[in-house]
Protein backbone atom coordinates (compact mmCIF):
# COMPACT_ATOMS: atom_id res chain seq x y z
CA MET A 1 -19.76 -53.81 -37.81
CA ILE A 2 -20.08 -55.52 -40.67
CA GLY A 3 -20.21 -59.06 -40.70
CA LEU A 4 -20.92 -61.16 -43.63
CA ALA A 5 -19.40 -64.54 -43.60
CA ARG A 6 -22.15 -66.29 -42.69
CA PHE A 7 -24.03 -65.34 -44.84
CA THR A 8 -21.51 -66.30 -47.86
CA ALA A 9 -20.71 -69.59 -46.15
CA ARG A 10 -24.19 -70.23 -48.29
CA LEU A 11 -21.99 -69.65 -51.46
CA LYS A 12 -19.53 -71.62 -50.05
CA ARG A 13 -18.72 -73.72 -47.31
CA LEU A 14 -15.94 -72.98 -44.74
CA ALA A 15 -12.71 -74.04 -45.72
CA VAL A 16 -9.17 -74.42 -44.03
CA ARG A 17 -6.75 -74.40 -46.05
CA GLY A 18 -2.85 -73.98 -45.50
CA GLY A 19 -0.85 -71.12 -45.97
CA SER A 20 0.76 -70.95 -49.16
CA LYS A 21 -0.31 -69.42 -52.65
CA PRO A 22 -0.86 -70.99 -55.42
CA GLY A 23 -0.66 -67.41 -57.86
CA VAL A 24 -3.01 -66.29 -60.76
CA ASP A 25 -2.06 -67.57 -64.69
CA PRO A 26 -0.91 -63.83 -66.12
CA ASP A 27 -3.76 -65.24 -69.31
CA PHE A 28 -6.74 -65.65 -67.42
CA SER A 29 -9.92 -63.70 -68.28
CA ALA A 30 -13.17 -62.70 -66.51
CA ASN A 31 -15.50 -65.51 -68.13
CA ALA A 32 -13.34 -67.82 -66.61
CA VAL A 33 -13.12 -66.57 -63.05
CA ASP A 34 -15.08 -68.19 -60.67
CA LEU A 35 -14.44 -66.60 -57.37
CA ASP A 36 -16.00 -69.52 -54.97
CA SER A 37 -12.52 -71.42 -56.34
CA ASP A 38 -9.87 -71.91 -53.78
CA ARG A 39 -7.85 -70.27 -56.25
CA ALA A 40 -9.57 -67.16 -55.79
CA THR A 41 -10.44 -67.56 -51.41
CA ASN A 42 -7.19 -68.73 -51.08
CA ASP A 43 -5.09 -65.64 -52.21
CA PRO A 44 -7.94 -62.74 -54.27
CA GLY A 45 -6.12 -60.35 -54.19
CA ALA A 46 -4.03 -62.02 -57.24
CA VAL A 47 -7.09 -62.74 -58.33
CA TYR A 48 -8.75 -59.27 -58.20
CA GLU A 49 -5.04 -57.63 -59.31
CA ALA A 50 -5.51 -60.13 -62.18
CA LEU A 51 -8.88 -59.26 -63.16
CA ARG A 52 -8.07 -55.21 -62.52
CA LYS A 53 -6.30 -55.53 -66.70
CA GLU A 54 -9.90 -56.15 -67.69
CA GLY A 55 -10.98 -52.66 -66.14
CA GLU A 56 -12.22 -51.34 -62.74
CA VAL A 57 -15.92 -53.00 -63.08
CA VAL A 58 -16.27 -56.41 -64.92
CA TYR A 59 -18.98 -58.69 -65.32
CA LEU A 60 -18.13 -62.90 -64.09
CA PRO A 61 -20.50 -65.39 -65.97
CA ARG A 62 -19.21 -67.60 -63.51
CA ASN A 63 -20.47 -65.89 -60.13
CA ARG A 64 -23.40 -64.58 -62.30
CA LEU A 65 -22.38 -61.22 -60.90
CA TRP A 66 -20.99 -57.50 -61.66
CA LEU A 67 -17.79 -57.43 -59.70
CA VAL A 68 -16.17 -53.41 -58.76
CA LEU A 69 -12.64 -53.54 -58.19
CA GLY A 70 -11.78 -49.88 -58.46
CA HIS A 71 -11.78 -47.09 -55.27
CA GLU A 72 -13.83 -44.97 -56.77
CA GLU A 73 -16.15 -47.04 -58.04
CA THR A 74 -16.93 -48.63 -54.89
CA ARG A 75 -16.96 -45.01 -52.93
CA ALA A 76 -19.75 -43.97 -56.06
CA ALA A 77 -22.00 -47.38 -55.77
CA LEU A 78 -21.69 -47.33 -51.70
CA SER A 79 -22.81 -43.49 -52.00
CA ARG A 80 -26.01 -44.68 -53.89
CA ALA A 81 -27.91 -46.81 -52.03
CA ASP A 82 -31.17 -45.89 -54.09
CA ILE A 83 -29.57 -47.38 -56.88
CA PHE A 84 -27.07 -49.96 -55.37
CA SER A 85 -29.57 -51.81 -52.69
CA ASN A 86 -28.65 -53.60 -49.75
CA ALA A 87 -31.11 -56.21 -50.87
CA PRO A 88 -29.01 -59.28 -50.84
CA TYR A 89 -28.64 -59.19 -46.73
CA ARG A 90 -32.52 -59.46 -45.98
CA LYS A 91 -32.32 -62.96 -45.20
CA PHE A 92 -29.40 -62.69 -42.78
CA ASP A 93 -30.42 -59.46 -41.45
CA HIS A 94 -33.63 -57.50 -42.29
CA GLU A 95 -33.32 -54.71 -39.68
CA LEU A 96 -29.62 -52.80 -40.28
CA LEU A 97 -27.52 -54.52 -42.53
CA GLY A 98 -30.41 -55.40 -45.53
CA ALA A 99 -32.30 -52.25 -44.76
CA ASP A 100 -32.75 -49.64 -47.29
CA PRO A 101 -34.06 -46.10 -46.88
CA PRO A 102 -35.93 -45.07 -44.69
CA ASP A 103 -35.76 -48.05 -42.60
CA HIS A 104 -32.30 -47.88 -42.39
CA ALA A 105 -31.93 -44.61 -40.87
CA ALA A 106 -34.49 -45.17 -37.97
CA VAL A 107 -32.78 -48.53 -36.95
CA ARG A 108 -29.23 -46.46 -36.72
CA ARG A 109 -30.30 -43.62 -34.23
CA LEU A 110 -32.00 -46.20 -31.87
CA LEU A 111 -28.47 -47.56 -31.82
CA ALA A 112 -26.80 -44.65 -31.48
CA PRO A 113 -26.61 -44.49 -28.03
CA CYS A 114 -24.92 -47.66 -27.99
CA PHE A 115 -21.96 -46.35 -28.91
CA ALA A 116 -21.41 -42.87 -27.68
CA ALA A 117 -18.71 -42.05 -25.33
CA PRO A 118 -19.10 -43.73 -22.35
CA VAL A 119 -19.33 -47.26 -23.55
CA VAL A 120 -16.36 -46.42 -25.70
CA GLU A 121 -14.78 -45.64 -22.21
CA ARG A 122 -16.04 -48.76 -20.27
CA LEU A 123 -14.89 -50.65 -23.59
CA THR A 124 -11.18 -49.40 -23.34
CA GLN A 125 -10.82 -49.42 -19.47
CA ALA A 126 -12.39 -53.46 -19.96
CA VAL A 127 -9.56 -53.93 -22.75
CA GLN A 128 -6.62 -52.90 -21.05
CA GLY A 129 -7.48 -55.55 -18.37
CA PHE A 130 -8.30 -58.09 -20.72
CA VAL A 131 -4.63 -57.74 -22.19
CA SER A 132 -2.59 -57.46 -18.92
CA ASP A 133 -3.98 -60.82 -18.06
CA LEU A 134 -3.03 -62.59 -21.09
CA PRO A 135 -0.64 -65.57 -21.02
CA ARG A 136 2.85 -66.11 -21.89
CA GLY A 137 2.51 -68.70 -23.77
CA PRO A 138 2.68 -71.14 -26.14
CA PHE A 139 -0.99 -70.45 -26.84
CA ASP A 140 -2.75 -69.90 -29.79
CA LEU A 141 -3.77 -66.63 -31.69
CA VAL A 142 -7.12 -66.90 -32.54
CA SER A 143 -8.67 -69.01 -29.57
CA GLY A 144 -6.42 -67.59 -26.86
CA LEU A 145 -6.57 -64.05 -27.94
CA SER A 146 -8.38 -62.86 -30.77
CA ARG A 147 -11.75 -64.20 -29.92
CA PRO A 148 -11.80 -63.92 -26.12
CA PHE A 149 -10.92 -59.91 -27.63
CA SER A 150 -13.91 -60.26 -29.29
CA GLU A 151 -16.26 -61.81 -27.10
CA LEU A 152 -15.62 -59.23 -24.62
CA LEU A 153 -16.16 -56.31 -27.37
CA GLY A 154 -19.81 -58.49 -27.91
CA ARG A 155 -20.53 -58.51 -24.21
CA GLU A 156 -19.59 -54.94 -22.96
CA LEU A 157 -21.48 -53.95 -26.51
CA LEU A 158 -24.69 -55.66 -25.70
CA GLY A 159 -25.00 -56.56 -21.75
CA LEU A 160 -24.23 -60.06 -22.00
CA ASP A 161 -22.83 -61.45 -18.81
CA GLY A 162 -20.16 -64.61 -18.77
CA ASP A 163 -22.94 -67.56 -18.93
CA LEU A 164 -24.97 -66.42 -21.34
CA VAL A 165 -21.61 -65.94 -23.49
CA GLU A 166 -20.79 -69.08 -22.96
CA ALA A 167 -24.27 -70.84 -23.35
CA ILE A 168 -23.70 -68.76 -27.01
CA ARG A 169 -20.25 -70.47 -27.13
CA ARG A 170 -22.25 -74.19 -26.72
CA ALA A 171 -25.24 -72.85 -29.33
CA GLN A 172 -22.49 -72.14 -32.14
CA SER A 173 -20.91 -75.76 -31.08
CA LEU A 174 -24.40 -77.14 -31.25
CA SER A 175 -25.35 -76.10 -34.29
CA GLN A 176 -22.76 -77.74 -36.15
CA ALA A 177 -24.36 -81.02 -36.31
CA ALA A 178 -27.29 -79.52 -37.24
CA ALA A 179 -28.28 -80.44 -41.24
CA ASN A 180 -28.54 -76.39 -41.85
CA PRO A 181 -25.96 -74.52 -39.22
CA LEU A 182 -26.46 -71.24 -40.32
CA ASP A 183 -30.01 -71.43 -39.84
CA ASP A 184 -30.09 -73.76 -36.78
CA PHE A 185 -27.26 -71.38 -35.08
CA ASN A 186 -29.70 -67.80 -35.90
CA ALA A 187 -32.25 -69.46 -34.15
CA ARG A 188 -30.88 -70.27 -31.07
CA LEU A 189 -29.04 -66.62 -31.19
CA ASP A 190 -32.53 -65.10 -31.43
CA GLU A 191 -33.37 -67.11 -28.31
CA LEU A 192 -30.51 -65.64 -26.11
CA SER A 193 -30.89 -62.47 -27.45
CA GLY A 194 -33.88 -62.43 -25.10
CA HIS A 195 -31.45 -62.30 -22.00
CA ALA A 196 -29.44 -59.24 -23.22
CA GLY A 197 -29.09 -56.44 -21.33
CA ILE A 198 -29.44 -54.05 -24.13
CA LEU A 199 -32.82 -55.51 -25.18
CA PRO A 200 -35.30 -53.45 -22.63
CA ALA A 201 -34.23 -50.13 -23.73
CA LEU A 202 -33.94 -51.33 -27.56
CA ILE A 203 -37.78 -52.41 -27.43
CA ALA A 204 -38.87 -49.42 -24.85
CA GLN A 205 -36.87 -46.62 -27.10
CA GLY A 206 -37.81 -48.16 -30.56
CA ALA A 207 -41.55 -48.30 -30.13
CA GLY A 208 -43.16 -48.09 -33.46
CA VAL A 209 -39.80 -48.99 -35.26
CA LEU A 210 -38.83 -52.33 -33.40
CA ASP A 211 -41.30 -54.96 -31.82
CA PRO A 212 -39.79 -57.82 -29.85
CA ASP A 213 -38.97 -60.00 -32.42
CA ARG A 214 -37.03 -57.89 -34.41
CA ALA A 215 -35.14 -56.05 -31.60
CA ARG A 216 -33.79 -59.60 -30.95
CA ARG A 217 -32.85 -60.11 -34.33
CA LEU A 218 -31.28 -57.36 -34.01
CA VAL A 219 -29.30 -58.11 -30.66
CA ARG A 220 -28.24 -60.92 -33.00
CA PHE A 221 -27.13 -59.06 -35.62
CA LEU A 222 -25.08 -56.91 -33.34
CA TRP A 223 -23.25 -59.96 -31.91
CA LEU A 224 -22.38 -61.67 -35.10
CA ALA A 225 -20.79 -58.04 -36.05
CA SER A 226 -19.21 -56.88 -33.85
CA THR A 227 -17.33 -60.45 -32.82
CA ASN A 228 -16.44 -61.14 -36.60
CA SER A 229 -14.82 -58.17 -37.23
CA SER A 230 -12.75 -57.59 -34.03
CA GLU A 231 -12.00 -61.29 -34.10
CA ARG A 232 -10.56 -61.07 -37.94
CA LEU A 233 -8.96 -57.09 -37.31
CA ALA A 234 -7.13 -58.46 -34.03
CA THR A 235 -6.00 -61.96 -35.35
CA TRP A 236 -4.49 -59.87 -38.84
CA LEU A 237 -2.78 -57.37 -36.32
CA VAL A 238 -1.11 -59.79 -34.72
CA THR A 239 0.09 -62.15 -37.68
CA ARG A 240 1.20 -58.98 -39.27
CA LEU A 241 3.58 -58.22 -36.10
CA LEU A 242 4.45 -61.60 -35.63
CA GLN A 243 5.40 -61.43 -39.60
CA ASP A 244 7.76 -58.70 -39.48
CA THR A 245 10.03 -58.42 -36.82
CA ASP A 246 11.41 -54.74 -37.93
CA LEU A 247 7.50 -53.36 -37.74
CA LEU A 248 7.30 -54.74 -34.32
CA ALA A 249 10.42 -53.47 -32.93
CA GLU A 250 9.15 -49.86 -34.64
CA LEU A 251 5.56 -49.61 -33.44
CA ALA A 252 7.32 -50.88 -30.02
CA ALA A 253 9.68 -47.85 -29.63
CA ASP A 254 6.99 -45.42 -31.03
CA ARG A 255 3.77 -46.05 -30.45
CA ALA A 256 2.40 -43.23 -32.05
CA ARG A 257 2.18 -45.29 -34.85
CA VAL A 258 -0.08 -47.44 -33.32
CA PRO A 259 -3.22 -46.01 -35.20
CA ALA A 260 -1.94 -45.53 -38.52
CA PHE A 261 -0.32 -49.32 -38.13
CA VAL A 262 -4.18 -50.23 -37.34
CA GLU A 263 -5.34 -48.65 -40.22
CA GLU A 264 -3.43 -50.36 -42.85
CA VAL A 265 -3.69 -53.82 -41.46
CA LEU A 266 -7.55 -52.53 -41.71
CA ARG A 267 -7.05 -51.47 -45.57
CA LEU A 268 -5.11 -54.26 -46.45
CA HIS A 269 -7.64 -57.11 -44.53
CA PRO A 270 -10.58 -55.96 -44.54
CA PRO A 271 -12.87 -57.79 -41.95
CA GLU A 272 -15.08 -58.60 -45.04
CA HIS A 273 -13.87 -58.50 -48.41
CA ILE A 274 -16.78 -57.90 -49.96
CA PHE A 275 -20.27 -55.84 -49.87
CA LEU A 276 -23.06 -57.54 -51.74
CA ARG A 277 -25.38 -55.14 -53.62
CA LEU A 278 -28.82 -55.76 -55.82
CA THR A 279 -29.04 -52.57 -58.90
CA THR A 280 -32.45 -51.08 -58.57
CA GLN A 281 -32.25 -50.23 -61.55
CA ASP A 282 -30.32 -49.90 -65.11
CA THR A 283 -27.11 -47.64 -64.00
CA VAL A 284 -23.07 -47.00 -65.29
CA LEU A 285 -20.47 -47.46 -63.34
CA GLY A 286 -17.05 -47.82 -64.31
CA GLY A 287 -17.51 -47.05 -67.65
CA GLN A 288 -20.61 -50.22 -67.70
CA ARG A 289 -23.88 -50.73 -68.55
CA ILE A 290 -25.36 -52.25 -65.60
CA PRO A 291 -29.25 -53.37 -65.65
CA GLY A 292 -31.40 -53.56 -63.35
CA GLY A 293 -31.80 -56.56 -60.71
CA SER A 294 -28.01 -57.45 -61.37
CA LEU A 295 -26.10 -58.89 -58.95
CA VAL A 296 -23.01 -56.18 -57.81
CA GLN A 297 -19.85 -57.69 -55.02
CA LEU A 298 -18.15 -54.32 -54.26
CA SER A 299 -14.74 -56.00 -53.52
CA VAL A 300 -13.51 -54.02 -50.85
CA MET A 301 -10.32 -55.27 -50.20
CA ALA A 302 -9.69 -54.90 -54.02
CA ALA A 303 -10.81 -51.00 -54.21
CA ASN A 304 -8.29 -50.69 -51.07
CA ARG A 305 -5.46 -51.95 -53.10
CA ASP A 306 -6.61 -49.43 -56.33
CA PRO A 307 -2.68 -48.41 -57.05
CA ARG A 308 -4.29 -45.12 -58.61
CA VAL A 309 -5.02 -44.37 -55.17
CA PHE A 310 -2.79 -45.95 -52.77
CA ASP A 311 1.21 -45.96 -53.73
CA SER A 312 2.64 -49.37 -53.00
CA PRO A 313 -0.59 -50.56 -52.43
CA GLU A 314 0.89 -53.88 -50.82
CA THR A 315 2.76 -52.62 -48.07
CA ILE A 316 2.25 -51.25 -44.97
CA ARG A 317 2.97 -48.22 -44.71
CA LEU A 318 3.12 -46.24 -41.38
CA ASP A 319 3.12 -42.85 -43.12
CA ARG A 320 -0.01 -42.56 -45.02
CA SER A 321 -1.87 -39.40 -44.75
CA GLY A 322 -5.47 -39.77 -44.14
CA SER A 323 -7.49 -43.01 -43.84
CA ARG A 324 -8.66 -43.33 -47.22
CA HIS A 325 -9.60 -47.17 -47.00
CA ILE A 326 -13.60 -48.16 -47.27
CA SER A 327 -13.55 -51.57 -45.00
CA PHE A 328 -15.51 -50.28 -42.55
CA GLY A 329 -18.19 -48.84 -45.67
CA HIS A 330 -19.30 -45.53 -47.06
CA GLY A 331 -22.41 -43.75 -47.29
CA ILE A 332 -25.82 -44.14 -45.03
CA HIS A 333 -24.39 -48.01 -44.52
CA HIS A 334 -20.55 -46.55 -43.05
CA CYS A 335 -20.56 -49.49 -40.57
CA ILE A 336 -21.88 -47.65 -37.16
CA GLY A 337 -19.40 -49.63 -34.86
CA ALA A 338 -16.30 -47.81 -36.49
CA VAL A 339 -15.13 -45.89 -33.78
CA LEU A 340 -15.97 -48.37 -31.18
CA LEU A 341 -13.44 -51.32 -32.55
CA ARG A 342 -10.93 -48.44 -33.87
CA THR A 343 -10.82 -47.17 -29.59
CA ALA A 344 -10.98 -50.25 -28.39
CA ILE A 345 -8.26 -51.91 -30.74
CA VAL A 346 -5.36 -49.44 -29.74
CA PRO A 347 -4.78 -50.58 -25.54
CA LEU A 348 -4.95 -54.36 -27.34
CA VAL A 349 -2.06 -53.32 -29.48
CA MET A 350 -0.15 -50.82 -26.76
CA GLY A 351 -0.39 -54.08 -24.16
CA LEU A 352 1.29 -56.48 -26.90
CA LEU A 353 3.91 -54.02 -27.64
CA ASP A 354 4.47 -53.64 -23.73
CA ARG A 355 5.72 -57.71 -24.39
CA ALA A 356 6.84 -57.02 -27.43
CA ASP A 357 10.99 -58.61 -26.55
CA GLY A 358 9.23 -62.04 -26.10
CA MET A 359 6.48 -61.47 -28.81
CA ARG A 360 6.84 -64.79 -31.45
CA ALA A 361 5.52 -67.10 -33.38
CA ALA A 362 5.57 -70.72 -31.91
CA GLU A 363 5.26 -72.35 -35.54
CA ASP A 364 6.22 -71.82 -38.92
CA LEU A 365 4.05 -68.55 -40.39
CA GLY A 366 4.45 -70.25 -44.07
CA GLN A 367 2.71 -73.33 -43.10
CA ILE A 368 -0.02 -71.80 -40.45
CA PRO A 369 -4.35 -72.69 -42.04
CA TYR A 370 -6.61 -70.30 -42.81
CA SER A 371 -10.20 -69.50 -42.73
CA ALA A 372 -11.08 -68.84 -46.23
CA THR A 373 -14.59 -67.90 -48.52
CA ARG A 374 -15.17 -65.41 -50.43
CA SER A 375 -15.56 -62.73 -48.12
CA VAL A 376 -13.10 -63.69 -45.29
CA ARG A 377 -9.47 -64.96 -45.55
CA VAL A 378 -7.44 -65.09 -42.16
CA PRO A 379 -5.42 -67.43 -40.19
CA ALA A 380 -7.55 -70.06 -38.18
CA ARG A 381 -4.34 -70.90 -35.83
CA LEU A 382 -1.65 -69.96 -35.01
CA MET A 383 0.50 -70.65 -32.24
CA MET A 384 2.55 -67.64 -30.80
CA HIS A 385 4.17 -66.46 -27.57
CA LEU A 386 4.10 -63.09 -25.91
């Protein structure tokens, strides 16, 4: 599961903003766009669609990068790891996300058993117990449901006990006062990762691939990736149900449509809006010649709303044929935990639908605050009843 908000926090400090959307001037140009501006982070979809008028691949001078908007173009870039390198992520994670071939494949093979069927089954049962214990409300969707759900996934995946999860929470809180919160939290997580139940197996099976320090860093990355992705997905799933009572009633009456609902929310609200790449050589994409050594931003959110691929791209449609979105990536870096998250999220939604009659927002949905950066936009708080 791809978790990059910590990385993009280096580019722009996390901001919490109200739910109103300012829109985009119809005559603006790529030369004037700043993807880190309030306008772009608070309404990225509108910015992407306005930029799409200039092409599926455009250069943004203010951000010094090439922006890829098209679905076909994004998939093409993700398919060519030899040309579009994951090097921009190496300060964040060198073991998996930031690794290029052939190193990436060895670590991925090592992790495959962590996402095998027995793990998925154990996690599904844990989620069923979790949702049955949720309060009736009012409670905060993020802190009372999405975050505990994400911690449950991380705990089951990595073999953490409750005390260790609580220690991670304290570490995150303490890091906020540090001069560099990101580096401080990563250091604390690396230390705590040494107590993860999964670590001895990674070290033993990863001989020649991972030494103990690299194994601890990999555990840290897996915690951040799994918890970030699952928290954001759960938050958006519930938010969309609270926003659309007809959709809530339809799903409560026809549970077979829940997987399609999950895919549509993933398409519209990917856990990470962007994937960053660095070109290793001169190349052509979408009719644009991109020099070697260029920073390229693959805008997954825009690709998932490409009108050439998706009819009524802004609308949740439960009758779409197939799952063509690329929220979990494509190619060798397709999210290794995609099946696990897709499977675990279904019993969560099913359990919520069991209480559909009482499910409602406890505040004005038009005024809820959002956490917004270049790579993420998700409700930061939403009081609700269940």
